[in-house]
């Protein structure tokens, strides 16, 4: 798989970073919307380690972006963008964290329970069954299984979603998801992820939905302690994917456009 798609024309001053890990292509709607204002890069993470993805993103930005860029990271991509910005501050002029996971482990404890509570009984049984299959070496096509898992998570994560168009998504990648997330959890649990914030020099904006199962306080409170220039915006009637939310979509795009102009 190629690791970059581009939208619009130079200057490429914005890069949108997908979540997962291992969910390439999900930020196509955002890339297209913003490309009416400037050139947009959509890096696709192909490496199966956290360190590999950090270096891959750094190389793509150095090779194709008109530096420094506005880096917009979604979900897992918010963590990855945060790490790259801390490691390579000269590459990034502004960091936008969209629907980030919590930066301290204690805030993550309620996420899965919240998601389960929002699903019906049959969906809960299916979800728990899939989790067992993820750890069964005899089960094949775990990419497809992870894709279905993502569909259920999306349902639990959404407040009032618009119809999805997944034609440009490239399919879930189980191996990347498992290996990279293991690295990321170790970094968060050790406190080293949050500590990286002391190295970030540029302005940081976090945008979060009030219905997102990932607690907003798990982003706002920790980052307020370590970042010198930090703002937080809470979107009402909004789940984990703001551009798919009927009530929040327009405000979300308005915020992003004001940040990149």
Protein backbone atom coordinates (compact mmCIF):
# COMPACT_ATOMS: atom_id res chain seq x y z
CA UNK A 1 0.00 0.00 0.00
CA UNK A 2 1.23 3.47 -0.85
CA UNK A 3 1.59 5.70 2.19
CA UNK A 4 0.38 9.05 0.84
CA UNK A 5 -2.58 10.58 -0.99
CA UNK A 6 -2.78 14.27 -1.88
CA UNK A 7 -5.67 16.70 -2.38
CA UNK A 8 -5.59 20.07 -4.09
CA UNK A 9 -2.32 21.67 -5.13
CA UNK A 10 0.65 23.37 -3.54
CA UNK A 11 1.31 24.65 -1.05
CA UNK A 12 0.67 21.48 0.98
CA UNK A 13 0.29 23.16 4.35
CA UNK A 14 -2.06 20.67 6.05
CA UNK A 15 -1.75 16.96 6.82
CA UNK A 16 -4.61 14.83 8.16
CA UNK A 17 -3.66 11.73 10.16
CA UNK A 18 -6.05 8.77 10.39
CA UNK A 19 -6.90 6.69 13.41
CA UNK A 20 -6.96 3.02 14.23
CA UNK A 21 -4.14 2.23 14.37
CA UNK A 22 -4.72 0.51 11.05
CA UNK A 23 -7.71 2.46 9.68
CA UNK A 24 -6.25 4.16 6.59
CA UNK A 25 -8.47 6.29 4.41
CA UNK A 26 -11.05 7.29 7.00
CA UNK A 27 -10.13 11.00 6.84
CA UNK A 28 -10.82 11.41 3.12
CA UNK A 29 -13.91 13.61 3.73
CA UNK A 30 -11.85 15.99 5.88
CA UNK A 31 -8.99 16.11 3.37
CA UNK A 32 -11.39 16.93 0.53
CA UNK A 33 -13.23 19.60 2.50
CA UNK A 34 -10.04 21.40 3.50
CA UNK A 35 -8.45 21.12 0.05
CA UNK A 36 -10.71 23.95 -1.14
CA UNK A 37 -8.48 26.24 0.93
CA UNK A 38 -5.02 24.70 0.61
CA UNK A 39 -3.18 21.59 -0.48
CA UNK A 40 -3.73 18.67 1.90
CA UNK A 41 -1.65 15.56 2.50
CA UNK A 42 -3.24 12.33 3.71
CA UNK A 43 -0.39 10.16 5.00
CA UNK A 44 -1.31 6.49 5.36
CA UNK A 45 0.53 4.67 8.12
CA UNK A 46 1.88 1.32 6.92
CA UNK A 47 4.41 0.39 9.61
CA UNK A 48 3.58 -2.13 12.34
CA UNK A 49 5.42 -0.47 15.24
CA UNK A 50 4.90 2.87 16.94
CA UNK A 51 8.46 3.92 16.22
CA UNK A 52 8.06 2.90 12.60
CA UNK A 53 4.91 5.01 12.23
CA UNK A 54 6.56 8.03 13.85
CA UNK A 55 9.48 7.89 11.45
CA UNK A 56 7.23 7.15 8.45
CA UNK A 57 5.10 10.22 9.15
CA UNK A 58 8.19 12.36 9.68
CA UNK A 59 9.63 11.22 6.34
CA UNK A 60 6.38 11.92 4.46
CA UNK A 61 6.15 15.43 5.89
CA UNK A 62 9.77 16.19 5.09
CA UNK A 63 9.39 14.79 1.59
CA UNK A 64 6.10 16.34 0.47
CA UNK A 65 4.82 19.07 2.80
CA UNK A 66 5.47 22.80 2.60
CA UNK A 67 6.85 23.01 6.10
CA UNK A 68 5.91 23.73 8.77
CA UNK A 69 2.42 22.23 8.51
CA UNK A 70 -0.82 22.25 10.42
CA UNK A 71 -1.08 18.66 11.61
CA UNK A 72 -4.61 17.36 12.22
CA UNK A 73 -4.64 14.00 13.99
CA UNK A 74 -7.83 12.02 14.56
CA UNK A 75 -8.29 9.43 17.35
CA UNK A 76 -5.12 7.28 17.31
CA UNK A 77 -3.76 9.79 14.80
CA UNK A 78 -3.96 12.45 17.51
CA UNK A 79 -1.49 10.45 19.62
CA UNK A 80 0.79 9.88 16.63
CA UNK A 81 0.67 13.57 15.67
CA UNK A 82 1.41 14.56 19.27
CA UNK A 83 4.50 12.34 19.34
CA UNK A 84 5.79 13.56 15.98
CA UNK A 85 5.26 17.19 16.97
CA UNK A 86 7.21 16.66 20.19
CA UNK A 87 10.03 14.79 18.47
CA UNK A 88 10.31 17.04 15.41
CA UNK A 89 8.98 20.48 16.40
CA UNK A 90 10.36 22.21 13.30
CA UNK A 91 7.91 20.27 11.12
CA UNK A 92 4.69 21.54 12.75
CA UNK A 93 3.36 25.08 13.13
CA UNK A 94 0.03 24.06 14.69
CA UNK A 95 -1.31 20.79 16.10
CA UNK A 96 -5.02 19.92 16.10
CA UNK A 97 -6.09 16.87 18.10
CA UNK A 98 -9.51 15.57 17.05
CA UNK A 99 -11.30 13.04 19.30
CA UNK A 100 -8.06 12.01 20.94
CA UNK A 101 -7.78 9.12 23.31
CA UNK A 102 -7.09 10.05 26.95
CA UNK A 103 -3.49 10.91 27.79
CA UNK A 104 -3.58 9.17 31.18
CA UNK A 105 -4.62 5.56 31.66
CA UNK A 106 -7.09 6.22 34.48
CA UNK A 107 -9.41 8.07 32.09
CA UNK A 108 -9.51 5.10 29.70
CA UNK A 109 -11.07 2.67 32.16
CA UNK A 110 -14.68 3.57 31.32
CA UNK A 111 -14.45 3.63 27.51
CA UNK A 112 -15.29 0.01 26.74
CA UNK A 113 -18.09 -0.17 29.30
CA UNK A 114 -19.68 2.97 27.86
CA UNK A 115 -19.57 1.47 24.38
CA UNK A 116 -21.09 -1.82 25.51
CA UNK A 117 -23.92 0.00 27.31
CA UNK A 118 -24.85 1.79 24.08
CA UNK A 119 -25.26 -1.42 22.05
CA UNK A 120 -28.15 -3.85 21.95
CA UNK A 121 -27.91 -7.30 23.51
CA UNK A 122 -27.15 -9.12 20.23
CA UNK A 123 -24.50 -6.57 19.34
CA UNK A 124 -22.88 -6.90 22.75
CA UNK A 125 -22.70 -10.68 22.37
CA UNK A 126 -21.22 -10.31 18.89
CA UNK A 127 -18.66 -7.79 20.10
CA UNK A 128 -17.45 -9.94 22.98
CA UNK A 129 -17.26 -12.95 20.67
CA UNK A 130 -15.09 -10.99 18.25
CA UNK A 131 -12.70 -10.02 21.00
CA UNK A 132 -12.19 -13.70 21.82
CA UNK A 133 -11.52 -14.45 18.15
CA UNK A 134 -8.87 -11.72 17.96
CA UNK A 135 -6.75 -13.77 20.35
CA UNK A 136 -7.44 -17.14 18.71
CA UNK A 137 -4.49 -18.06 16.42
CA UNK A 138 -6.75 -20.39 14.45
CA UNK A 139 -9.07 -17.62 13.30
CA UNK A 140 -8.38 -16.27 9.81
CA UNK A 141 -9.32 -12.96 8.14
CA UNK A 142 -8.82 -10.87 11.24
CA UNK A 143 -8.72 -7.76 9.06
CA UNK A 144 -12.36 -8.40 8.15
CA UNK A 145 -13.19 -9.12 11.77
CA UNK A 146 -11.61 -5.85 12.83
CA UNK A 147 -13.63 -4.06 10.17
CA UNK A 148 -16.88 -5.39 11.65
CA UNK A 149 -15.61 -4.52 15.13
CA UNK A 150 -15.09 -0.97 13.88
CA UNK A 151 -18.66 -0.82 12.58
CA UNK A 152 -20.03 -1.68 16.01
CA UNK A 153 -17.69 0.80 17.68
CA UNK A 154 -18.82 3.49 15.27
CA UNK A 155 -22.44 2.84 16.18
CA UNK A 156 -21.66 3.10 19.89
CA UNK A 157 -19.51 6.19 19.37
CA UNK A 158 -22.04 8.22 17.34
CA UNK A 159 -24.69 10.64 18.56
CA UNK A 160 -26.69 11.37 15.38
CA UNK A 161 -24.58 10.18 12.44
CA UNK A 162 -24.92 11.08 8.80
CA UNK A 163 -24.79 8.24 6.24
CA UNK A 164 -21.23 7.02 5.79
CA UNK A 165 -19.40 6.77 2.48
CA UNK A 166 -16.54 4.29 2.91
CA UNK A 167 -15.55 4.01 -0.74
CA UNK A 168 -12.13 5.57 -0.12
CA UNK A 169 -11.33 3.66 3.06
CA UNK A 170 -8.66 1.03 2.55
CA UNK A 171 -9.79 -1.64 5.00
CA UNK A 172 -8.89 -2.41 8.60
CA UNK A 173 -5.41 -3.77 9.33
CA UNK A 174 -5.40 -6.08 12.33
CA UNK A 175 -1.65 -6.67 12.67
CA UNK A 176 -0.86 -2.96 12.60
CA UNK A 177 -3.66 -2.25 15.07
CA UNK A 178 -2.49 -4.79 17.62
CA UNK A 179 1.25 -4.13 17.47
CA UNK A 180 1.14 -0.35 17.36
CA UNK A 181 -1.51 -0.05 20.07
CA UNK A 182 0.53 -2.27 22.39
CA UNK A 183 3.44 0.17 22.00
CA UNK A 184 1.14 3.17 22.52
CA UNK A 185 -0.43 1.78 25.69
CA UNK A 186 3.00 1.19 27.20
CA UNK A 187 3.96 4.77 26.40
CA UNK A 188 0.77 6.15 27.96
CA UNK A 189 0.82 3.89 31.02
CA UNK A 190 4.42 4.88 31.79
CA UNK A 191 3.57 8.59 31.68
CA UNK A 192 6.04 9.17 28.87
CA UNK A 193 3.35 10.07 26.34
CA UNK A 194 2.12 13.01 28.40
CA UNK A 195 5.68 14.09 29.23
CA UNK A 196 6.33 14.60 25.53
CA UNK A 197 4.01 17.59 25.74
CA UNK A 198 6.77 19.59 27.44
CA UNK A 199 8.71 19.44 24.16
CA UNK A 200 5.91 20.84 21.99
CA UNK A 201 6.50 24.47 20.99
CA UNK A 202 3.56 25.19 18.69
CA UNK A 203 -0.07 26.04 19.54
CA UNK A 204 -2.26 22.99 20.23
CA UNK A 205 -6.02 22.77 19.83
CA UNK A 206 -8.06 19.77 20.99
CA UNK A 207 -11.57 19.30 19.53
CA UNK A 208 -13.77 16.73 21.25
CA UNK A 209 -17.39 15.60 21.15
CA UNK A 210 -19.48 15.65 24.32
CA UNK A 211 -20.87 12.18 23.43
CA UNK A 212 -17.48 10.64 22.68
CA UNK A 213 -16.87 7.59 24.93
CA UNK A 214 -13.28 8.77 25.25
CA UNK A 215 -13.64 11.16 28.20
CA UNK A 216 -13.02 14.79 27.30
CA UNK A 217 -11.38 15.35 30.69
CA UNK A 218 -8.78 12.74 29.77
CA UNK A 219 -7.57 15.11 27.07
CA UNK A 220 -8.30 18.54 28.54
CA UNK A 221 -6.96 18.11 32.06
CA UNK A 222 -3.64 16.33 31.36
CA UNK A 223 -2.75 18.51 28.38
CA UNK A 224 -3.53 21.69 30.30
CA UNK A 225 -0.73 20.73 32.67
CA UNK A 226 2.02 20.23 30.10
CA UNK A 227 1.32 22.45 27.09
CA UNK A 228 2.21 26.14 27.04
CA UNK A 229 -0.27 27.15 24.32
CA UNK A 230 -3.36 24.93 24.57
CA UNK A 231 -7.04 25.38 23.77
CA UNK A 232 -9.91 22.93 24.09
CA UNK A 233 -13.25 22.99 22.26
CA UNK A 234 -16.12 20.70 23.25
CA UNK A 235 -18.66 20.05 20.48
CA UNK A 236 -22.25 19.49 21.58
CA UNK A 237 -24.30 16.57 20.25
CA UNK A 238 -21.14 15.04 18.87
CA UNK A 239 -19.62 11.60 19.15
CA UNK A 240 -16.19 10.31 18.19
CA UNK A 241 -16.28 11.31 14.50
CA UNK A 242 -17.27 15.00 14.24
CA UNK A 243 -17.47 15.22 10.45
CA UNK A 244 -20.06 12.43 10.47
CA UNK A 245 -22.29 14.07 13.06
CA UNK A 246 -25.42 15.84 11.83
CA UNK A 247 -25.39 18.57 14.47
CA UNK A 248 -21.64 19.09 14.81
CA UNK A 249 -20.30 18.70 11.27
CA UNK A 250 -20.58 22.33 10.14
CA UNK A 251 -19.12 23.75 13.33
CA UNK A 252 -16.30 21.22 13.19
CA UNK A 253 -15.33 22.18 9.65
CA UNK A 254 -15.65 25.85 10.55
CA UNK A 255 -13.16 25.38 13.39
CA UNK A 256 -10.66 23.56 11.18
CA UNK A 257 -10.89 26.12 8.40
CA UNK A 258 -10.33 28.98 10.81
CA UNK A 259 -7.24 27.19 12.13
CA UNK A 260 -5.60 26.69 8.73
CA UNK A 261 -6.29 30.10 7.20
